[in-house]
C-alpha atoms as a PDB file:
ATOM      1  CA  MET A   1      -9.996   8.302  15.031  1.00  0.00           C
ATOM      2  CA  LYS A   2     -11.309  10.614  12.308  1.00  0.00           C
ATOM      3  CA  ASN A   3      -7.673  11.699  11.943  1.00  0.00           C
ATOM      4  CA  ILE A   4      -6.975   8.361  10.263  1.00  0.00           C
ATOM      5  CA  VAL A   5      -8.834   9.479   7.154  1.00  0.00           C
ATOM      6  CA  THR A   6      -7.128  12.890   7.179  1.00  0.00           C
ATOM      7  CA  THR A   7      -3.731  11.234   7.431  1.00  0.00           C
ATOM      8  CA  LEU A   8      -4.696   8.762   4.722  1.00  0.00           C
ATOM      9  CA  GLU A   9      -5.624  11.564   2.345  1.00  0.00           C
ATOM     10  CA  GLN A  10      -2.307  13.283   3.035  1.00  0.00           C
ATOM     11  CA  ILE A  11      -0.071  10.292   2.370  1.00  0.00           C
ATOM     12  CA  LEU A  12      -2.075   9.362  -0.727  1.00  0.00           C
ATOM     13  CA  LYS A  13      -1.013  12.718  -2.177  1.00  0.00           C
ATOM     14  CA  ILE A  14       2.609  11.575  -2.009  1.00  0.00           C
ATOM     15  CA  ASN A  15       3.391   9.343  -4.973  1.00  0.00           C
ATOM     16  CA  SER A  16       5.186   6.193  -3.852  1.00  0.00           C
ATOM     17  CA  PRO A  17       5.233   3.297  -6.322  1.00  0.00           C
ATOM     18  CA  THR A  18       7.662   0.555  -5.374  1.00  0.00           C
ATOM     19  CA  GLY A  19      11.161   1.800  -6.164  1.00  0.00           C
ATOM     20  CA  TYR A  20      10.297   5.464  -5.574  1.00  0.00           C
ATOM     21  CA  THR A  21       9.284   5.691  -1.929  1.00  0.00           C
ATOM     22  CA  ILE A  22      11.891   8.188  -0.754  1.00  0.00           C
ATOM     23  CA  GLU A  23       9.418  11.079  -0.527  1.00  0.00           C
ATOM     24  CA  VAL A  24       6.775   9.288   1.530  1.00  0.00           C
ATOM     25  CA  ILE A  25       9.352   7.626   3.803  1.00  0.00           C
ATOM     26  CA  ASN A  26      10.904  11.038   4.468  1.00  0.00           C
ATOM     27  CA  TYR A  27       7.438  12.415   5.193  1.00  0.00           C
ATOM     28  CA  VAL A  28       6.715   9.743   7.797  1.00  0.00           C
ATOM     29  CA  GLU A  29      10.174  10.120   9.321  1.00  0.00           C
ATOM     30  CA  ASN A  30       9.734  13.888   9.618  1.00  0.00           C
ATOM     31  CA  LEU A  31       6.460  13.414  11.498  1.00  0.00           C
ATOM     32  CA  PHE A  32       8.405  11.902  14.393  1.00  0.00           C
ATOM     33  CA  LYS A  33      11.914  13.340  14.047  1.00  0.00           C
ATOM     34  CA  ASP A  34      11.497  15.673  17.040  1.00  0.00           C
ATOM     35  CA  SER A  35      10.144  12.931  19.295  1.00  0.00           C
ATOM     36  CA  LYS A  36      12.073  10.648  21.628  1.00  0.00           C
ATOM     37  CA  LEU A  37      11.235   7.639  19.499  1.00  0.00           C
ATOM     38  CA  HIS A  38      13.892   5.366  18.038  1.00  0.00           C
ATOM     39  CA  ILE A  39      13.938   5.924  14.274  1.00  0.00           C
ATOM     40  CA  LYS A  40      15.972   3.818  11.886  1.00  0.00           C
ATOM     41  CA  LYS A  41      16.108   3.513   8.106  1.00  0.00           C
ATOM     42  CA  THR A  42      17.290   0.365   6.416  1.00  0.00           C
ATOM     43  CA  ASN A  43      19.847   0.486   3.651  1.00  0.00           C
ATOM     44  CA  LYS A  44      17.109  -0.080   1.082  1.00  0.00           C
ATOM     45  CA  GLY A  45      14.955   2.706   2.440  1.00  0.00           C
ATOM     46  CA  SER A  46      12.307   1.222   4.718  1.00  0.00           C
ATOM     47  CA  LEU A  47      11.595   2.795   8.103  1.00  0.00           C
ATOM     48  CA  LEU A  48      11.311   1.570  11.684  1.00  0.00           C
ATOM     49  CA  VAL A  49       9.733   3.834  14.306  1.00  0.00           C
ATOM     50  CA  SER A  50      10.032   2.208  17.727  1.00  0.00           C
ATOM     51  CA  PHE A  51       9.301   3.062  21.333  1.00  0.00           C
ATOM     52  CA  VAL A  52      12.322   1.078  22.525  1.00  0.00           C
ATOM     53  CA  GLU A  53      15.562  -0.055  20.934  1.00  0.00           C
ATOM     54  CA  ASP A  54      14.590  -3.713  21.190  1.00  0.00           C
ATOM     55  CA  PRO A  55      10.866  -4.089  20.359  1.00  0.00           C
ATOM     56  CA  GLU A  56       9.393  -7.527  20.879  1.00  0.00           C
ATOM     57  CA  LEU A  57       6.221  -6.730  18.935  1.00  0.00           C
ATOM     58  CA  VAL A  58       6.503  -5.151  15.490  1.00  0.00           C
ATOM     59  CA  ILE A  59       3.506  -3.730  13.648  1.00  0.00           C
ATOM     60  CA  SER A  60       4.201  -3.766   9.915  1.00  0.00           C
ATOM     61  CA  GLY A  61       2.521  -2.134   6.944  1.00  0.00           C
ATOM     62  CA  HIS A  62       3.777  -1.193   3.499  1.00  0.00           C
ATOM     63  CA  ILE A  63       4.033   2.337   2.189  1.00  0.00           C
ATOM     64  CA  ASP A  64       4.777   1.419  -1.438  1.00  0.00           C
ATOM     65  CA  THR A  65       2.025   1.198  -4.027  1.00  0.00           C
ATOM     66  CA  LEU A  66       1.391  -0.020  -7.539  1.00  0.00           C
ATOM     67  CA  GLY A  67       2.678   2.056 -10.421  1.00  0.00           C
ATOM     68  CA  ALA A  68       4.633   1.846 -13.658  1.00  0.00           C
ATOM     69  CA  MET A  69       7.778   2.898 -15.471  1.00  0.00           C
ATOM     70  CA  VAL A  70       8.458   3.980 -19.025  1.00  0.00           C
ATOM     71  CA  LYS A  71       9.477   0.884 -20.978  1.00  0.00           C
ATOM     72  CA  GLU A  72       9.743   2.437 -24.424  1.00  0.00           C
ATOM     73  CA  VAL A  73       9.274   5.759 -26.173  1.00  0.00           C
ATOM     74  CA  LYS A  74       7.303   4.779 -29.278  1.00  0.00           C
ATOM     75  CA  GLU A  75       7.654   6.194 -32.786  1.00  0.00           C
ATOM     76  CA  ASP A  76       4.437   8.213 -32.475  1.00  0.00           C
ATOM     77  CA  GLY A  77       5.542   9.864 -29.211  1.00  0.00           C
ATOM     78  CA  THR A  78       3.414   7.741 -26.891  1.00  0.00           C
ATOM     79  CA  LEU A  79       4.956   5.812 -23.999  1.00  0.00           C
ATOM     80  CA  ALA A  80       4.832   2.071 -23.484  1.00  0.00           C
ATOM     81  CA  ILE A  81       4.873   1.014 -19.845  1.00  0.00           C
ATOM     82  CA  THR A  82       6.103  -1.771 -17.647  1.00  0.00           C
ATOM     83  CA  LYS A  83       3.977  -2.494 -14.602  1.00  0.00           C
ATOM     84  CA  ILE A  84       5.148  -2.151 -11.007  1.00  0.00           C
ATOM     85  CA  GLY A  85       3.088  -4.656  -9.078  1.00  0.00           C
ATOM     86  CA  GLY A  86      -0.216  -6.135 -10.170  1.00  0.00           C
ATOM     87  CA  LEU A  87      -2.030  -3.317 -11.948  1.00  0.00           C
ATOM     88  CA  VAL A  88      -5.463  -4.382 -13.197  1.00  0.00           C
ATOM     89  CA  LEU A  89      -5.166  -2.774 -16.621  1.00  0.00           C
ATOM     90  CA  ASN A  90      -8.860  -2.481 -17.490  1.00  0.00           C
ATOM     91  CA  SER A  91      -9.361  -0.617 -14.202  1.00  0.00           C
ATOM     92  CA  PHE A  92      -6.470   1.761 -14.846  1.00  0.00           C
ATOM     93  CA  GLU A  93      -7.468   2.482 -18.439  1.00  0.00           C
ATOM     94  CA  GLY A  94      -8.317   6.157 -18.877  1.00  0.00           C
ATOM     95  CA  GLU A  95      -6.520   7.222 -15.703  1.00  0.00           C
ATOM     96  CA  TYR A  96      -4.526  10.447 -15.630  1.00  0.00           C
ATOM     97  CA  VAL A  97      -0.856  10.011 -14.823  1.00  0.00           C
ATOM     98  CA  THR A  98       2.253  11.959 -13.945  1.00  0.00           C
ATOM     99  CA  ILE A  99       5.614  11.043 -15.436  1.00  0.00           C
ATOM    100  CA  ARG A 100       8.704  11.974 -13.413  1.00  0.00           C
ATOM    101  CA  ASN A 101      11.881  12.170 -15.465  1.00  0.00           C
ATOM    102  CA  ASN A 102      15.350  11.522 -14.051  1.00  0.00           C
ATOM    103  CA  GLU A 103      15.860  15.206 -13.231  1.00  0.00           C
ATOM    104  CA  GLY A 104      12.602  15.407 -11.293  1.00  0.00           C
ATOM    105  CA  LYS A 105      10.570  17.299 -13.882  1.00  0.00           C
ATOM    106  CA  LEU A 106       6.911  16.256 -13.999  1.00  0.00           C
ATOM    107  CA  PHE A 107       4.729  15.727 -17.056  1.00  0.00           C
ATOM    108  CA  ARG A 108       1.052  14.857 -17.334  1.00  0.00           C
ATOM    109  CA  GLY A 109      -0.611  12.256 -19.495  1.00  0.00           C
ATOM    110  CA  THR A 110      -3.360   9.638 -19.808  1.00  0.00           C
ATOM    111  CA  PHE A 111      -3.125   5.836 -19.874  1.00  0.00           C
ATOM    112  CA  LEU A 112      -5.113   4.638 -22.907  1.00  0.00           C
ATOM    113  CA  LEU A 113      -5.702   1.850 -25.343  1.00  0.00           C
ATOM    114  CA  ASN A 114      -3.614   2.261 -28.497  1.00  0.00           C
ATOM    115  CA  ASN A 115      -5.649   3.905 -31.275  1.00  0.00           C
ATOM    116  CA  PRO A 116      -8.462   4.589 -28.764  1.00  0.00           C
ATOM    117  CA  ALA A 117     -10.909   6.555 -30.930  1.00  0.00           C
ATOM    118  CA  SER A 118     -14.045   4.520 -31.601  1.00  0.00           C
ATOM    119  CA  HIS A 119     -14.745   6.604 -34.723  1.00  0.00           C
ATOM    120  CA  VAL A 120     -11.695   5.116 -36.451  1.00  0.00           C
ATOM    121  CA  ASN A 121     -11.233   1.843 -34.601  1.00  0.00           C
ATOM    122  CA  ASN A 122     -14.256  -0.444 -34.498  1.00  0.00           C
ATOM    123  CA  LEU A 123     -12.296  -2.962 -32.397  1.00  0.00           C
ATOM    124  CA  VAL A 124     -11.937  -0.700 -29.352  1.00  0.00           C
ATOM    125  CA  GLU A 125     -14.358  -2.742 -27.263  1.00  0.00           C
ATOM    126  CA  ALA A 126     -13.050  -6.100 -28.447  1.00  0.00           C
ATOM    127  CA  THR A 127      -9.337  -5.366 -27.968  1.00  0.00           C
ATOM    128  CA  LYS A 128      -7.777  -7.160 -25.034  1.00  0.00           C
ATOM    129  CA  ARG A 129      -6.448  -4.837 -22.356  1.00  0.00           C
ATOM    130  CA  GLU A 130      -2.807  -5.881 -22.084  1.00  0.00           C
ATOM    131  CA  ILE A 131       0.497  -4.048 -21.938  1.00  0.00           C
ATOM    132  CA  GLY A 132       1.238  -4.351 -25.667  1.00  0.00           C
ATOM    133  CA  ASN A 133      -2.102  -2.765 -26.558  1.00  0.00           C
ATOM    134  CA  MET A 134      -1.897   0.244 -24.223  1.00  0.00           C
ATOM    135  CA  SER A 135       0.261   3.325 -23.812  1.00  0.00           C
ATOM    136  CA  ILE A 136       0.451   6.812 -22.332  1.00  0.00           C
ATOM    137  CA  ARG A 137      -0.631   9.839 -24.338  1.00  0.00           C
ATOM    138  CA  LEU A 138       1.506  12.754 -23.175  1.00  0.00           C
ATOM    139  CA  ASP A 139      -0.058  16.158 -22.606  1.00  0.00           C
ATOM    140  CA  GLU A 140       2.737  17.743 -24.616  1.00  0.00           C
ATOM    141  CA  LEU A 141       3.008  18.692 -28.288  1.00  0.00           C
ATOM    142  CA  VAL A 142       4.937  15.612 -29.323  1.00  0.00           C
ATOM    143  CA  ARG A 143       4.637  13.677 -32.571  1.00  0.00           C
ATOM    144  CA  ASN A 144       7.663  11.383 -32.493  1.00  0.00           C
ATOM    145  CA  LYS A 145      10.449   9.939 -30.357  1.00  0.00           C
ATOM    146  CA  ALA A 146      12.695  12.939 -30.915  1.00  0.00           C
ATOM    147  CA  ASP A 147      10.093  15.315 -29.507  1.00  0.00           C
ATOM    148  CA  VAL A 148       9.800  13.178 -26.369  1.00  0.00           C
ATOM    149  CA  ALA A 149      13.577  12.942 -26.008  1.00  0.00           C
ATOM    150  CA  ALA A 150      13.763  16.733 -26.162  1.00  0.00           C
ATOM    151  CA  LEU A 151      11.510  16.879 -23.079  1.00  0.00           C
ATOM    152  CA  GLY A 152      13.959  14.690 -21.162  1.00  0.00           C
ATOM    153  CA  ILE A 153      11.614  11.697 -20.849  1.00  0.00           C
ATOM    154  CA  ASN A 154      13.361   8.358 -21.156  1.00  0.00           C
ATOM    155  CA  VAL A 155      13.133   4.639 -20.441  1.00  0.00           C
ATOM    156  CA  GLY A 156      13.021   3.959 -16.693  1.00  0.00           C
ATOM    157  CA  ASP A 157      11.206   7.144 -15.674  1.00  0.00           C
ATOM    158  CA  PHE A 158       8.556   6.555 -13.024  1.00  0.00           C
ATOM    159  CA  ILE A 159       4.843   6.836 -13.776  1.00  0.00           C
ATOM    160  CA  PHE A 160       2.408   7.848 -11.021  1.00  0.00           C
ATOM    161  CA  TYR A 161      -1.306   7.128 -11.426  1.00  0.00           C
ATOM    162  CA  ASP A 162      -3.810   9.606  -9.981  1.00  0.00           C
ATOM    163  CA  THR A 163      -5.549   8.377  -6.840  1.00  0.00           C
ATOM    164  CA  ARG A 164      -8.973  10.087  -7.151  1.00  0.00           C
ATOM    165  CA  PHE A 165      -9.409  10.205  -3.362  1.00  0.00           C
ATOM    166  CA  GLU A 166     -12.939  10.814  -2.106  1.00  0.00           C
ATOM    167  CA  TYR A 167     -14.423  10.635   1.393  1.00  0.00           C
ATOM    168  CA  THR A 168     -18.190  10.377   1.170  1.00  0.00           C
ATOM    169  CA  SER A 169     -20.774  11.608   3.649  1.00  0.00           C
ATOM    170  CA  SER A 170     -21.766   7.955   4.141  1.00  0.00           C
ATOM    171  CA  GLY A 171     -18.285   7.137   5.420  1.00  0.00           C
ATOM    172  CA  PHE A 172     -16.790   5.453   2.368  1.00  0.00           C
ATOM    173  CA  VAL A 173     -13.197   6.152   1.409  1.00  0.00           C
ATOM    174  CA  LYS A 174     -12.602   5.738  -2.310  1.00  0.00           C
ATOM    175  CA  SER A 175      -9.112   5.886  -3.767  1.00  0.00           C
ATOM    176  CA  ARG A 176      -6.467   3.969  -5.569  1.00  0.00           C
ATOM    177  CA  PHE A 177      -3.702   2.587  -3.357  1.00  0.00           C
ATOM    178  CA  LEU A 178      -5.670   2.022  -0.173  1.00  0.00           C
ATOM    179  CA  ASP A 179      -3.430  -1.035  -0.373  1.00  0.00           C
ATOM    180  CA  ASP A 180      -1.669  -0.318   1.858  1.00  0.00           C
ATOM    181  CA  LYS A 181      -1.799   3.362   2.716  1.00  0.00           C
ATOM    182  CA  ALA A 182      -5.030   2.743   4.612  1.00  0.00           C
ATOM    183  CA  CYS A 183      -3.043   0.695   7.119  1.00  0.00           C
ATOM    184  CA  ALA A 184      -0.059   3.040   7.024  1.00  0.00           C
ATOM    185  CA  SER A 185      -2.402   5.811   8.189  1.00  0.00           C
ATOM    186  CA  VAL A 186      -3.610   3.567  11.036  1.00  0.00           C
ATOM    187  CA  MET A 187       0.014   3.018  12.056  1.00  0.00           C
ATOM    188  CA  ILE A 188       0.867   6.723  11.952  1.00  0.00           C
ATOM    189  CA  GLU A 189      -2.103   7.648  14.122  1.00  0.00           C
ATOM    190  CA  MET A 190      -1.324   4.805  16.535  1.00  0.00           C
ATOM    191  CA  ILE A 191       2.234   6.078  16.977  1.00  0.00           C
ATOM    192  CA  LYS A 192       0.874   9.559  17.674  1.00  0.00           C
ATOM    193  CA  GLU A 193      -1.550   8.283  20.316  1.00  0.00           C
ATOM    194  CA  LEU A 194       1.017   6.111  22.076  1.00  0.00           C
ATOM    195  CA  SER A 195       3.561   8.932  22.005  1.00  0.00           C
ATOM    196  CA  ALA A 196       1.104  11.359  23.552  1.00  0.00           C
ATOM    197  CA  GLY A 197       0.580   8.887  26.367  1.00  0.00           C
ATOM    198  CA  GLY A 198       4.304   8.513  26.994  1.00  0.00           C
ATOM    199  CA  SER A 199       4.297   4.821  26.127  1.00  0.00           C
ATOM    200  CA  LYS A 200       7.409   2.735  26.769  1.00  0.00           C
ATOM    201  CA  ARG A 201       5.934  -0.464  25.433  1.00  0.00           C
ATOM    202  CA  LYS A 202       8.235  -2.828  23.583  1.00  0.00           C
ATOM    203  CA  VAL A 203       6.595  -2.131  20.255  1.00  0.00           C
ATOM    204  CA  GLY A 204       7.895  -0.814  16.964  1.00  0.00           C
ATOM    205  CA  PHE A 205       6.243   0.171  13.688  1.00  0.00           C
ATOM    206  CA  TYR A 206       7.826  -0.901  10.426  1.00  0.00           C
ATOM    207  CA  PHE A 207       6.990   0.839   7.144  1.00  0.00           C
ATOM    208  CA  SER A 208       8.185  -1.440   4.362  1.00  0.00           C
ATOM    209  CA  ASN A 209       8.800  -0.167   0.844  1.00  0.00           C
ATOM    210  CA  TYR A 210       9.062  -3.186  -1.479  1.00  0.00           C
ATOM    211  CA  GLU A 211       5.974  -5.210  -0.542  1.00  0.00           C
ATOM    212  CA  GLU A 212       4.236  -4.928  -3.901  1.00  0.00           C
ATOM    213  CA  VAL A 213       7.117  -6.785  -5.558  1.00  0.00           C
ATOM    214  CA  GLY A 214       7.467  -9.394  -2.812  1.00  0.00           C
ATOM    215  CA  HIS A 215      10.456  -8.513  -0.650  1.00  0.00           C
ATOM    216  CA  GLY A 216       9.256  -5.736   1.623  1.00  0.00           C
ATOM    217  CA  ALA A 217       9.946  -7.239   5.049  1.00  0.00           C
ATOM    218  CA  CYS A 218      12.827  -9.499   4.019  1.00  0.00           C
ATOM    219  CA  VAL A 219      14.975  -7.039   5.988  1.00  0.00           C
ATOM    220  CA  GLY A 220      14.362  -4.414   8.651  1.00  0.00           C
ATOM    221  CA  ILE A 221      12.587  -6.422  11.337  1.00  0.00           C
ATOM    222  CA  PRO A 222      14.643  -6.114  14.559  1.00  0.00           C
ATOM    223  CA  ASP A 223      16.241  -9.307  15.850  1.00  0.00           C
ATOM    224  CA  SER A 224      14.494  -8.659  19.179  1.00  0.00           C
ATOM    225  CA  ALA A 225      11.070  -9.172  17.575  1.00  0.00           C
ATOM    226  CA  LYS A 226       9.075 -12.165  18.762  1.00  0.00           C
ATOM    227  CA  GLU A 227       5.837 -11.279  17.004  1.00  0.00           C
ATOM    228  CA  LEU A 228       5.027  -9.506  13.765  1.00  0.00           C
ATOM    229  CA  LEU A 229       1.506  -8.168  13.334  1.00  0.00           C
ATOM    230  CA  VAL A 230       1.047  -7.233   9.693  1.00  0.00           C
ATOM    231  CA  LEU A 231      -1.554  -4.620   8.764  1.00  0.00           C
ATOM    232  CA  ASP A 232      -2.587  -4.928   5.136  1.00  0.00           C
ATOM    233  CA  MET A 233      -5.783  -4.609   3.135  1.00  0.00           C
ATOM    234  CA  ALA A 234      -8.305  -7.409   3.515  1.00  0.00           C
ATOM    235  CA  VAL A 235      -9.776  -9.206   0.531  1.00  0.00           C
ATOM    236  CA  ILE A 236     -13.386  -8.755  -0.544  1.00  0.00           C
ATOM    237  CA  GLY A 237     -14.914 -10.979  -3.224  1.00  0.00           C
ATOM    238  CA  ASP A 238     -16.611 -14.254  -4.061  1.00  0.00           C
ATOM    239  CA  GLY A 239     -15.676 -16.994  -1.636  1.00  0.00           C
ATOM    240  CA  CYS A 240     -14.165 -14.588   0.907  1.00  0.00           C
ATOM    241  CA  ALA A 241     -15.697 -13.248   4.103  1.00  0.00           C
ATOM    242  CA  GLY A 242     -14.290  -9.711   4.035  1.00  0.00           C
ATOM    243  CA  LYS A 243     -16.553  -6.686   4.486  1.00  0.00           C
ATOM    244  CA  GLU A 244     -15.904  -3.016   3.810  1.00  0.00           C
ATOM    245  CA  ASP A 245     -16.990  -2.028   7.316  1.00  0.00           C
ATOM    246  CA  ALA A 246     -15.085  -4.704   9.237  1.00  0.00           C
ATOM    247  CA  VAL A 247     -11.547  -5.780  10.069  1.00  0.00           C
ATOM    248  CA  SER A 248     -10.485  -9.153   8.703  1.00  0.00           C
ATOM    249  CA  ILE A 249      -8.261 -11.583  10.579  1.00  0.00           C
ATOM    250  CA  CYS A 250      -6.479 -13.613   7.918  1.00  0.00           C
ATOM    251  CA  VAL A 251      -5.766 -17.182   8.987  1.00  0.00           C
ATOM    252  CA  LYS A 252      -4.157 -18.274   5.693  1.00  0.00           C
ATOM    253  CA  ASP A 253      -3.105 -16.851   2.351  1.00  0.00           C
ATOM    254  CA  SER A 254      -1.276 -18.271  -0.663  1.00  0.00           C
ATOM    255  CA  SER A 255       1.964 -18.484   1.348  1.00  0.00           C
ATOM    256  CA  GLY A 256       0.377 -20.677   4.024  1.00  0.00           C
ATOM    257  CA  PRO A 257      -1.312 -20.365   7.437  1.00  0.00           C
ATOM    258  CA  TYR A 258      -0.531 -17.587   9.881  1.00  0.00           C
ATOM    259  CA  ASP A 259       0.533 -18.307  13.454  1.00  0.00           C
ATOM    260  CA  PHE A 260      -2.211 -20.069  15.413  1.00  0.00           C
ATOM    261  CA  THR A 261      -1.449 -18.421  18.765  1.00  0.00           C
ATOM    262  CA  VAL A 262      -1.447 -14.923  17.266  1.00  0.00           C
ATOM    263  CA  THR A 263      -4.639 -15.544  15.304  1.00  0.00           C
ATOM    264  CA  LYS A 264      -6.340 -17.066  18.341  1.00  0.00           C
ATOM    265  CA  LYS A 265      -5.448 -14.066  20.469  1.00  0.00           C
ATOM    266  CA  LEU A 266      -6.716 -11.652  17.815  1.00  0.00           C
ATOM    267  CA  ARG A 267     -10.022 -13.517  17.663  1.00  0.00           C
ATOM    268  CA  GLU A 268     -10.412 -13.534  21.434  1.00  0.00           C
ATOM    269  CA  LEU A 269      -9.611  -9.833  21.749  1.00  0.00           C
ATOM    270  CA  ALA A 270     -12.011  -8.943  18.949  1.00  0.00           C
ATOM    271  CA  SER A 271     -14.836 -11.032  20.406  1.00  0.00           C
ATOM    272  CA  ALA A 272     -14.350  -9.779  23.965  1.00  0.00           C
ATOM    273  CA  ASN A 273     -14.293  -6.124  22.921  1.00  0.00           C
ATOM    274  CA  ASN A 274     -17.129  -5.996  20.399  1.00  0.00           C
ATOM    275  CA  ILE A 275     -14.830  -5.483  17.432  1.00  0.00           C
ATOM    276  CA  ILE A 276     -16.629  -5.973  14.119  1.00  0.00           C
ATOM    277  CA  TYR A 277     -14.486  -8.633  12.456  1.00  0.00           C
ATOM    278  CA  VAL A 278     -14.398 -11.694  10.243  1.00  0.00           C
ATOM    279  CA  THR A 279     -11.859 -14.460   9.829  1.00  0.00           C
ATOM    280  CA  ASP A 280     -10.848 -15.192   6.285  1.00  0.00           C
ATOM    281  CA  ILE A 281      -8.574 -17.011   3.845  1.00  0.00           C
ATOM    282  CA  TYR A 282      -7.086 -15.158   0.868  1.00  0.00           C
ATOM    283  CA  PRO A 283      -6.505 -17.319  -2.223  1.00  0.00           C
ATOM    284  CA  TYR A 284      -4.142 -15.060  -4.217  1.00  0.00           C
ATOM    285  CA  TYR A 285      -2.285 -12.991  -1.650  1.00  0.00           C
ATOM    286  CA  GLY A 286       1.062 -12.632   0.090  1.00  0.00           C
ATOM    287  CA  SER A 287       2.104 -10.115   2.730  1.00  0.00           C
ATOM    288  CA  ASP A 288       5.110  -8.664   4.481  1.00  0.00           C
ATOM    289  CA  GLY A 289       4.612 -11.504   6.929  1.00  0.00           C
ATOM    290  CA  SER A 290       5.142 -13.972   4.091  1.00  0.00           C
ATOM    291  CA  ALA A 291       8.342 -12.153   3.101  1.00  0.00           C
ATOM    292  CA  ALA A 292       9.663 -12.052   6.669  1.00  0.00           C
ATOM    293  CA  LEU A 293       9.102 -15.766   7.179  1.00  0.00           C
ATOM    294  CA  ALA A 294      10.664 -16.607   3.810  1.00  0.00           C
ATOM    295  CA  ALA A 295      13.699 -14.531   4.803  1.00  0.00           C
ATOM    296  CA  GLY A 296      14.145 -16.693   7.904  1.00  0.00           C
ATOM    297  CA  TYR A 297      12.883 -14.456  10.698  1.00  0.00           C
ATOM    298  CA  ASP A 298      11.949 -16.447  13.792  1.00  0.00           C
ATOM    299  CA  VAL A 299       8.729 -14.580  14.543  1.00  0.00           C
ATOM    300  CA  ARG A 300       5.098 -15.446  15.088  1.00  0.00           C
ATOM    301  CA  VAL A 301       3.112 -13.659  12.395  1.00  0.00           C
ATOM    302  CA  GLY A 302      -0.481 -12.460  12.260  1.00  0.00           C
ATOM    303  CA  LEU A 303      -2.316 -10.498   9.570  1.00  0.00           C
ATOM    304  CA  ILE A 304      -5.269  -8.128   9.897  1.00  0.00           C
ATOM    305  CA  GLY A 305      -6.672  -5.255   7.897  1.00  0.00           C
ATOM    306  CA  PRO A 306      -9.693  -3.306   6.695  1.00  0.00           C
ATOM    307  CA  GLY A 307     -11.889  -4.821   4.005  1.00  0.00           C
ATOM    308  CA  VAL A 308     -11.057  -3.218   0.643  1.00  0.00           C
ATOM    309  CA  SER A 309     -13.271  -3.635  -2.408  1.00  0.00           C
ATOM    310  CA  ALA A 310     -11.806  -3.918  -5.926  1.00  0.00           C
ATOM    311  CA  SER A 311      -8.232  -4.489  -4.788  1.00  0.00           C
ATOM    312  CA  HIS A 312      -5.524  -3.321  -7.206  1.00  0.00           C
ATOM    313  CA  GLY A 313      -8.170  -1.339  -9.043  1.00  0.00           C
ATOM    314  CA  VAL A 314     -10.455   1.516  -8.007  1.00  0.00           C
ATOM    315  CA  GLU A 315     -10.421   0.580  -4.344  1.00  0.00           C
ATOM    316  CA  ARG A 316     -12.944   1.410  -1.634  1.00  0.00           C
ATOM    317  CA  THR A 317     -13.319   0.837   2.089  1.00  0.00           C
ATOM    318  CA  HIS A 318     -15.432   2.308   4.867  1.00  0.00           C
ATOM    319  CA  GLU A 319     -14.258   4.406   7.778  1.00  0.00           C
ATOM    320  CA  ASN A 320     -15.635   1.752  10.131  1.00  0.00           C
ATOM    321  CA  ALA A 321     -13.140  -0.784   8.779  1.00  0.00           C
ATOM    322  CA  LEU A 322     -10.303   1.643   9.455  1.00  0.00           C
ATOM    323  CA  PHE A 323     -11.571   2.261  12.975  1.00  0.00           C
ATOM    324  CA  GLU A 324     -12.032  -1.439  13.727  1.00  0.00           C
ATOM    325  CA  THR A 325      -8.514  -2.152  12.465  1.00  0.00           C
ATOM    326  CA  TYR A 326      -7.188   0.619  14.680  1.00  0.00           C
ATOM    327  CA  LYS A 327      -9.028  -0.672  17.745  1.00  0.00           C
ATOM    328  CA  LEU A 328      -7.907  -4.266  17.278  1.00  0.00           C
ATOM    329  CA  THR A 329      -4.291  -3.191  16.719  1.00  0.00           C
ATOM    330  CA  LYS A 330      -4.362  -1.114  19.886  1.00  0.00           C
ATOM    331  CA  LEU A 331      -5.846  -3.972  21.902  1.00  0.00           C
ATOM    332  CA  TYR A 332      -3.175  -6.342  20.628  1.00  0.00           C
ATOM    333  CA  ILE A 333      -0.415  -3.917  21.614  1.00  0.00           C
ATOM    334  CA  GLU A 334      -1.905  -3.413  25.057  1.00  0.00           C
ATOM    335  CA  ASN A 335      -2.192  -7.149  25.631  1.00  0.00           C
ATOM    336  CA  THR A 336       1.219  -8.112  24.283  1.00  0.00           C
ATOM    337  CA  SER A 337       3.931  -5.555  24.999  1.00  0.00           C
ATOM    338  CA  ASP A 338       4.903  -4.161  28.409  1.00  0.00           C
END
C-alpha cells in the first residue's frame, strides 16, 4: 500500500484545476490502456475504468482540483484572478503559480496582496484577503498591460498553484489538492491490485472532473449501477469527528443523509475488520454522490475518505488514513460485487 503515496505524488505533479483536466485524465487512461478493462470517457472528459461493461458498484472520486483563471490584465502588468472552486485566499497568499496561456506556454508568478511591501504599505496586515485586493506578480519583465499582451497572456488563461508535496518520516502527507487526489490514488492502486488478480467483479471506477464546481457525477455513472461509493476527503475541525490517521464514514453532509443500508454495511465491515474509522457529519460539504442524486440517478450512495486537515488550504493527512480508506474500499468491493 506504500504505492498509494507514490501514485499520489505523481498525479499531484499533473496540474488539473476544474476545466483543465485533460492531462491528468489522459494519464490515468494510459495507465490501463493495454489492459482488458473497459475504459470509457464521457463527452465532458471524465473517465470510467470498469472490470465489466455493466458494473453494479461504482467507486467514484474526483480528479479535478481548485485553481484559478486570469480575470483581468491590470494596468501595472499584474494579473487579477477568478477562483475555480473554494480557494481559501489567506492560505494561498504567497504561493508560487504557473500560468498556462492558450498556446500552452507556461509562465511563473506569485499570488500576492496588492502593494504587498510592508515598508510602503502600513495596512498590509489589516487588509482583507479578498479577490479585489490580490493579484499575481509575473516573473517576467512587465510594467504594463501591453508588455503582458506581448507574452501572449490573456483573460481566461488557467492558473496552477504549486502543491508543495512532502512525505514526512512520521507518515504525514502534506500537499495542496489532497482533495481529492488522495482518493484518486487509492482508486488507481485498487484497480491495479484487482487487475493483477484477474478480477471479474461487477465494479467500475469513475474519475469525475467537475466536482469542485458541483456537477462532477451528474453524468458518467453507468445505468447498471445500483450503488455508488464515493471516495472523497474527510472533514477535520471543530464539531467533526474526523482524524488524520483514520477513514471517515460520512452519514450526512449539506446535501442530506447518505444511504442507510450502505452506511450500515460500511460500519459493520469496518468494525469487524479492525479498520480505524469514525462516523461523521459534514456541515459545509457536497460530493459527487450529491451531484449524482441531484441528477436523478437511482443509486444507493455512500461516502468515505481519509481525514484531511486544513481542507481547501495547505492540506495534510497521514498515510494511515490512506491505508484505512484503501482497506475499507476493498472490503466493500469484496462484499458487494460478484
